[in-house]
Amino acid sequence: MSASIRTWVSRNFPDETLYTIGEAAEAVARSVPTLRRWERDGKVQPSRMEQMGSISVRLYTPEDIKYLREFAQTQRPGRKAGIDYD
């Protein structure tokens, strides 16, 4: 995660606890591409998408992290040779 994104989130949302996709992925021991795939597949959604210039920043709440942890436990890790085990 870029320190500038964390700084931007902290500056723009000082009264909220929000996590970037990198922080959320780390919290649930999965990769950023896995969270993006789950989002694309409609399995999970960040609470917010905010624009930081030309970049869309996914922001997750503590409740989102709890849900992601629970969801991650239902998934088998690994996606190899085009086989999606989730």
N, C-alpha and C. Protein backbone atom coordinates (compact mmCIF):
# COMPACT_ATOMS: atom_id res chain seq x y z
N MET A 1 0.84 -1.18 0.00
CA MET A 1 0.00 0.00 0.00
C MET A 1 0.88 1.23 0.00
N SER A 2 0.46 2.18 -0.74
CA SER A 2 1.18 3.43 -0.78
C SER A 2 0.90 4.24 0.48
N ALA A 3 1.97 4.76 1.06
CA ALA A 3 1.81 5.60 2.26
C ALA A 3 0.96 6.82 1.94
N SER A 4 1.02 7.28 0.69
CA SER A 4 0.22 8.45 0.33
C SER A 4 -1.27 8.14 0.36
N ILE A 5 -1.66 6.91 0.04
CA ILE A 5 -3.07 6.55 0.12
C ILE A 5 -3.52 6.52 1.58
N ARG A 6 -2.71 5.92 2.46
CA ARG A 6 -3.05 5.89 3.89
C ARG A 6 -3.15 7.31 4.43
N THR A 7 -2.22 8.18 4.04
CA THR A 7 -2.25 9.58 4.48
C THR A 7 -3.52 10.26 3.97
N TRP A 8 -3.88 10.02 2.73
CA TRP A 8 -5.08 10.61 2.13
C TRP A 8 -6.33 10.15 2.88
N VAL A 9 -6.41 8.85 3.18
CA VAL A 9 -7.58 8.33 3.91
C VAL A 9 -7.65 8.96 5.29
N SER A 10 -6.54 9.00 6.01
CA SER A 10 -6.53 9.58 7.35
C SER A 10 -6.91 11.05 7.34
N ARG A 11 -6.45 11.77 6.35
CA ARG A 11 -6.73 13.20 6.26
C ARG A 11 -8.19 13.46 5.89
N ASN A 12 -8.75 12.67 4.98
CA ASN A 12 -10.09 12.92 4.49
C ASN A 12 -11.20 12.30 5.33
N PHE A 13 -10.86 11.32 6.14
CA PHE A 13 -11.85 10.64 6.97
C PHE A 13 -11.32 10.49 8.39
N PRO A 14 -11.01 11.59 9.06
CA PRO A 14 -10.33 11.52 10.36
C PRO A 14 -11.17 10.89 11.48
N ASP A 15 -12.47 10.93 11.35
CA ASP A 15 -13.34 10.42 12.41
C ASP A 15 -13.84 9.01 12.15
N GLU A 16 -13.31 8.36 11.10
CA GLU A 16 -13.77 7.03 10.75
C GLU A 16 -12.60 6.05 10.74
N THR A 17 -12.88 4.82 11.10
CA THR A 17 -11.88 3.76 10.99
C THR A 17 -12.13 3.07 9.66
N LEU A 18 -11.24 3.31 8.72
CA LEU A 18 -11.36 2.75 7.37
C LEU A 18 -10.05 2.10 6.97
N TYR A 19 -10.15 1.01 6.25
CA TYR A 19 -8.98 0.26 5.81
C TYR A 19 -8.93 0.23 4.29
N THR A 20 -7.75 0.35 3.74
CA THR A 20 -7.57 0.21 2.31
C THR A 20 -7.65 -1.26 1.94
N ILE A 21 -7.70 -1.56 0.66
CA ILE A 21 -7.78 -2.96 0.23
C ILE A 21 -6.53 -3.73 0.66
N GLY A 22 -5.38 -3.09 0.64
CA GLY A 22 -4.15 -3.76 1.09
C GLY A 22 -4.20 -4.11 2.56
N GLU A 23 -4.69 -3.18 3.35
CA GLU A 23 -4.82 -3.43 4.80
C GLU A 23 -5.87 -4.51 5.06
N ALA A 24 -6.96 -4.48 4.31
CA ALA A 24 -8.01 -5.49 4.48
C ALA A 24 -7.48 -6.87 4.10
N ALA A 25 -6.75 -6.95 3.00
CA ALA A 25 -6.19 -8.23 2.56
C ALA A 25 -5.23 -8.79 3.61
N GLU A 26 -4.40 -7.93 4.15
CA GLU A 26 -3.47 -8.36 5.20
C GLU A 26 -4.22 -8.85 6.43
N ALA A 27 -5.30 -8.17 6.79
CA ALA A 27 -6.07 -8.52 7.98
C ALA A 27 -6.73 -9.90 7.87
N VAL A 28 -7.02 -10.31 6.64
CA VAL A 28 -7.70 -11.61 6.45
C VAL A 28 -6.76 -12.64 5.82
N ALA A 29 -5.48 -12.32 5.74
CA ALA A 29 -4.46 -13.25 5.23
C ALA A 29 -4.78 -13.74 3.82
N ARG A 30 -5.21 -12.81 2.99
CA ARG A 30 -5.45 -13.10 1.58
C ARG A 30 -4.74 -12.01 0.77
N SER A 31 -4.68 -12.18 -0.52
CA SER A 31 -4.01 -11.20 -1.37
C SER A 31 -5.00 -10.15 -1.87
N VAL A 32 -4.45 -9.01 -2.29
CA VAL A 32 -5.29 -7.96 -2.89
C VAL A 32 -6.02 -8.50 -4.11
N PRO A 33 -5.33 -9.24 -5.02
CA PRO A 33 -6.07 -9.79 -6.17
C PRO A 33 -7.23 -10.71 -5.77
N THR A 34 -7.07 -11.45 -4.67
CA THR A 34 -8.17 -12.30 -4.20
C THR A 34 -9.36 -11.46 -3.78
N LEU A 35 -9.14 -10.38 -3.02
CA LEU A 35 -10.25 -9.52 -2.63
C LEU A 35 -10.90 -8.88 -3.85
N ARG A 36 -10.10 -8.48 -4.82
CA ARG A 36 -10.67 -7.90 -6.05
C ARG A 36 -11.49 -8.93 -6.81
N ARG A 37 -11.02 -10.18 -6.84
CA ARG A 37 -11.77 -11.25 -7.52
C ARG A 37 -13.08 -11.51 -6.79
N TRP A 38 -13.05 -11.58 -5.46
CA TRP A 38 -14.29 -11.77 -4.70
C TRP A 38 -15.27 -10.64 -4.99
N GLU A 39 -14.74 -9.43 -5.09
CA GLU A 39 -15.60 -8.28 -5.40
C GLU A 39 -16.19 -8.43 -6.80
N ARG A 40 -15.34 -8.74 -7.77
CA ARG A 40 -15.79 -8.91 -9.15
C ARG A 40 -16.86 -10.00 -9.26
N ASP A 41 -16.68 -11.07 -8.47
CA ASP A 41 -17.62 -12.20 -8.48
C ASP A 41 -18.88 -11.92 -7.65
N GLY A 42 -18.94 -10.75 -7.01
CA GLY A 42 -20.12 -10.37 -6.23
C GLY A 42 -20.19 -11.01 -4.85
N LYS A 43 -19.08 -11.57 -4.37
CA LYS A 43 -19.07 -12.24 -3.07
C LYS A 43 -18.88 -11.26 -1.91
N VAL A 44 -18.12 -10.21 -2.12
CA VAL A 44 -17.88 -9.20 -1.10
C VAL A 44 -17.84 -7.83 -1.77
N GLN A 45 -18.10 -6.81 -1.00
CA GLN A 45 -18.04 -5.43 -1.49
C GLN A 45 -17.44 -4.54 -0.42
N PRO A 46 -16.57 -3.62 -0.80
CA PRO A 46 -16.12 -2.63 0.18
C PRO A 46 -17.29 -1.71 0.50
N SER A 47 -17.28 -1.16 1.70
CA SER A 47 -18.36 -0.25 2.09
C SER A 47 -18.36 1.01 1.24
N ARG A 48 -17.16 1.44 0.84
CA ARG A 48 -17.07 2.70 0.11
C ARG A 48 -16.04 2.62 -0.99
N MET A 49 -16.30 3.36 -2.04
CA MET A 49 -15.33 3.60 -3.09
C MET A 49 -15.21 5.11 -3.20
N GLU A 50 -14.03 5.62 -3.00
CA GLU A 50 -13.80 7.06 -3.06
C GLU A 50 -12.78 7.36 -4.15
N GLN A 51 -12.90 8.52 -4.74
CA GLN A 51 -11.95 8.95 -5.76
C GLN A 51 -10.82 9.74 -5.13
N MET A 52 -9.61 9.33 -5.40
CA MET A 52 -8.42 10.08 -5.00
C MET A 52 -7.74 10.48 -6.31
N GLY A 53 -8.17 11.61 -6.83
CA GLY A 53 -7.71 12.00 -8.15
C GLY A 53 -8.29 11.04 -9.18
N SER A 54 -7.43 10.37 -9.93
CA SER A 54 -7.89 9.42 -10.95
C SER A 54 -7.97 7.99 -10.42
N ILE A 55 -7.67 7.79 -9.14
CA ILE A 55 -7.64 6.46 -8.54
C ILE A 55 -8.91 6.21 -7.73
N SER A 56 -9.53 5.06 -7.93
CA SER A 56 -10.65 4.63 -7.07
C SER A 56 -10.06 3.87 -5.90
N VAL A 57 -10.37 4.33 -4.69
CA VAL A 57 -9.84 3.71 -3.48
C VAL A 57 -10.96 2.95 -2.79
N ARG A 58 -10.75 1.65 -2.62
CA ARG A 58 -11.72 0.81 -1.89
C ARG A 58 -11.46 1.01 -0.40
N LEU A 59 -12.52 1.26 0.35
CA LEU A 59 -12.39 1.46 1.78
C LEU A 59 -13.30 0.49 2.53
N TYR A 60 -12.72 -0.18 3.50
CA TYR A 60 -13.41 -1.19 4.28
C TYR A 60 -13.55 -0.73 5.73
N THR A 61 -14.71 -0.99 6.31
CA THR A 61 -14.97 -0.66 7.71
C THR A 61 -14.56 -1.85 8.58
N PRO A 62 -14.51 -1.66 9.90
CA PRO A 62 -14.25 -2.81 10.78
C PRO A 62 -15.29 -3.93 10.59
N GLU A 63 -16.53 -3.58 10.31
CA GLU A 63 -17.56 -4.59 10.05
C GLU A 63 -17.25 -5.36 8.77
N ASP A 64 -16.74 -4.66 7.76
CA ASP A 64 -16.33 -5.33 6.52
C ASP A 64 -15.22 -6.33 6.79
N ILE A 65 -14.26 -5.94 7.62
CA ILE A 65 -13.13 -6.83 7.94
C ILE A 65 -13.65 -8.08 8.64
N LYS A 66 -14.60 -7.90 9.56
CA LYS A 66 -15.18 -9.06 10.25
C LYS A 66 -15.84 -9.99 9.23
N TYR A 67 -16.62 -9.43 8.31
CA TYR A 67 -17.27 -10.25 7.29
C TYR A 67 -16.23 -10.94 6.41
N LEU A 68 -15.21 -10.20 5.99
CA LEU A 68 -14.17 -10.79 5.15
C LEU A 68 -13.48 -11.96 5.84
N ARG A 69 -13.21 -11.83 7.14
CA ARG A 69 -12.58 -12.92 7.90
C ARG A 69 -13.49 -14.15 7.89
N GLU A 70 -14.77 -13.92 8.15
CA GLU A 70 -15.71 -15.04 8.16
C GLU A 70 -15.81 -15.67 6.78
N PHE A 71 -15.90 -14.85 5.75
CA PHE A 71 -16.00 -15.35 4.39
C PHE A 71 -14.73 -16.10 4.00
N ALA A 72 -13.58 -15.56 4.33
CA ALA A 72 -12.30 -16.18 3.98
C ALA A 72 -12.20 -17.58 4.57
N GLN A 73 -12.78 -17.78 5.75
CA GLN A 73 -12.72 -19.10 6.38
C GLN A 73 -13.53 -20.14 5.62
N THR A 74 -14.47 -19.70 4.81
CA THR A 74 -15.29 -20.63 4.04
C THR A 74 -14.64 -20.97 2.70
N GLN A 75 -13.56 -20.29 2.37
CA GLN A 75 -12.93 -20.46 1.07
C GLN A 75 -11.66 -21.29 1.16
N ARG A 76 -11.43 -22.10 0.18
CA ARG A 76 -10.16 -22.81 0.09
C ARG A 76 -9.15 -21.89 -0.56
N PRO A 77 -7.97 -21.78 0.00
CA PRO A 77 -6.96 -20.95 -0.65
C PRO A 77 -6.46 -21.61 -1.93
N GLY A 78 -6.13 -20.80 -2.89
CA GLY A 78 -5.48 -21.30 -4.10
C GLY A 78 -6.36 -21.25 -5.32
N ARG A 79 -5.79 -20.70 -6.36
CA ARG A 79 -6.45 -20.68 -7.66
C ARG A 79 -5.35 -20.97 -8.67
N LYS A 80 -5.30 -22.20 -9.14
CA LYS A 80 -4.21 -22.60 -10.01
C LYS A 80 -4.77 -23.18 -11.30
N ALA A 81 -4.04 -22.98 -12.37
CA ALA A 81 -4.38 -23.56 -13.67
C ALA A 81 -5.82 -23.27 -14.08
N GLY A 82 -6.30 -22.08 -13.73
CA GLY A 82 -7.64 -21.70 -14.13
C GLY A 82 -8.75 -22.33 -13.30
N ILE A 83 -8.39 -23.09 -12.27
CA ILE A 83 -9.38 -23.71 -11.41
C ILE A 83 -9.59 -22.82 -10.18
N ASP A 84 -10.80 -22.40 -9.99
CA ASP A 84 -11.13 -21.52 -8.86
C ASP A 84 -11.74 -22.38 -7.77
N TYR A 85 -11.02 -22.53 -6.66
CA TYR A 85 -11.49 -23.36 -5.57
C TYR A 85 -12.41 -22.62 -4.61
N ASP A 86 -12.58 -21.31 -4.80
CA ASP A 86 -13.45 -20.55 -3.89
C ASP A 86 -14.88 -20.96 -4.09
